[in-house]
Amino acid sequence: MVGTSPGVQAWSCAVCGTDWSISRVSPRPSCDHLVAAVQRLSALRSVLREVIVLASKSPRLTDEQLRERLLALADRAVSVSAPVDG
């Protein structure tokens, strides 16, 4: 739970003076980062598909139309690949 301290079990050996403890690590932050990375990759694949489609249409486009569409795709790719705050 957010905002609570994890329960920690600790032991101490009276004979040798060794102390040790066990705590549970929350896997949630790692999962959140993994999910975000998968979503970004999926979005980037979508942009790549659009680039491939645009390449097949390029002979029928004017230079200005092609430049405009490429710039739009580049902007989208940059926004998709921006790091997620976490």
Protein backbone atom coordinates (compact mmCIF):
# COMPACT_ATOMS: atom_id res chain seq x y z
CA MET A 1 0.00 0.00 0.00
CA VAL A 2 1.16 3.48 -0.79
CA GLY A 3 2.10 5.57 2.23
CA THR A 4 2.60 2.67 4.61
CA SER A 5 5.80 1.12 5.84
CA PRO A 6 6.37 -2.49 4.86
CA GLY A 7 6.37 -5.07 7.60
CA VAL A 8 9.90 -6.23 8.30
CA GLN A 9 10.71 -9.38 10.20
CA ALA A 10 14.08 -9.26 11.94
CA TRP A 11 16.12 -11.74 13.95
CA SER A 12 19.23 -11.57 15.97
CA CYS A 13 21.52 -14.40 17.03
CA ALA A 14 22.43 -14.05 20.69
CA VAL A 15 25.43 -16.36 20.27
CA CYS A 16 27.23 -14.78 17.29
CA GLY A 17 25.57 -11.33 17.23
CA THR A 18 24.40 -11.65 13.61
CA ASP A 19 21.33 -9.61 12.72
CA TRP A 20 19.18 -10.24 9.66
CA SER A 21 15.77 -9.26 8.35
CA ILE A 22 13.35 -10.11 5.58
CA SER A 23 11.00 -7.69 3.88
CA ARG A 24 8.70 -8.00 0.89
CA VAL A 25 9.55 -5.92 -2.18
CA SER A 26 6.69 -4.44 -4.14
CA PRO A 27 6.92 -5.42 -7.82
CA ARG A 28 4.34 -2.78 -8.81
CA PRO A 29 6.70 0.03 -9.91
CA SER A 30 8.58 -2.34 -12.22
CA CYS A 31 5.32 -3.58 -13.72
CA ASP A 32 4.14 -0.01 -14.28
CA HIS A 33 7.35 0.82 -16.16
CA LEU A 34 7.06 -2.35 -18.22
CA VAL A 35 3.45 -1.57 -19.16
CA ALA A 36 4.43 1.99 -20.16
CA ALA A 37 7.30 0.69 -22.30
CA VAL A 38 5.04 -1.80 -24.07
CA GLN A 39 2.48 0.92 -24.76
CA ARG A 40 5.18 3.22 -26.20
CA LEU A 41 6.51 0.40 -28.40
CA SER A 42 3.01 -0.33 -29.66
CA ALA A 43 2.48 3.35 -30.50
CA LEU A 44 5.86 3.52 -32.26
CA ARG A 45 4.97 0.44 -34.32
CA SER A 46 1.81 2.24 -35.39
CA VAL A 47 3.88 5.24 -36.52
CA LEU A 48 6.25 2.92 -38.40
CA ARG A 49 3.31 1.31 -40.21
CA GLU A 50 2.15 4.78 -41.25
CA VAL A 51 5.64 5.59 -42.56
CA ILE A 52 5.56 2.41 -44.67
CA VAL A 53 2.13 3.29 -46.06
CA LEU A 54 3.32 6.83 -46.76
CA ALA A 55 6.35 5.47 -48.62
CA SER A 56 4.06 3.49 -50.92
CA LYS A 57 1.96 6.60 -51.59
CA SER A 58 4.91 8.96 -52.04
CA PRO A 59 5.10 8.77 -55.85
CA ARG A 60 1.57 10.24 -56.02
CA LEU A 61 2.26 13.08 -53.55
CA THR A 62 3.79 16.46 -54.16
CA ASP A 63 7.00 17.30 -52.32
CA GLU A 64 5.06 19.61 -50.02
CA GLN A 65 2.44 16.98 -49.19
CA LEU A 66 5.14 14.41 -48.47
CA ARG A 67 7.13 16.84 -46.31
CA GLU A 68 3.99 17.82 -44.37
CA ARG A 69 3.05 14.19 -43.67
CA LEU A 70 6.60 13.23 -42.71
CA LEU A 71 6.81 16.14 -40.26
CA ALA A 72 3.49 15.12 -38.70
CA LEU A 73 4.72 11.54 -38.31
CA ALA A 74 8.03 12.73 -36.85
CA ASP A 75 6.19 14.87 -34.29
CA ARG A 76 4.04 11.90 -33.35
CA ALA A 77 7.05 9.61 -33.01
CA VAL A 78 8.84 12.10 -30.77
CA SER A 79 5.81 12.53 -28.50
CA VAL A 80 5.28 8.75 -28.29
CA SER A 81 8.91 8.02 -27.45
CA ALA A 82 9.15 10.70 -24.75
CA PRO A 83 10.08 9.14 -21.39
CA VAL A 84 7.32 8.55 -18.88
CA ASP A 85 7.77 10.29 -15.53
CA GLY A 86 7.88 7.81 -12.78
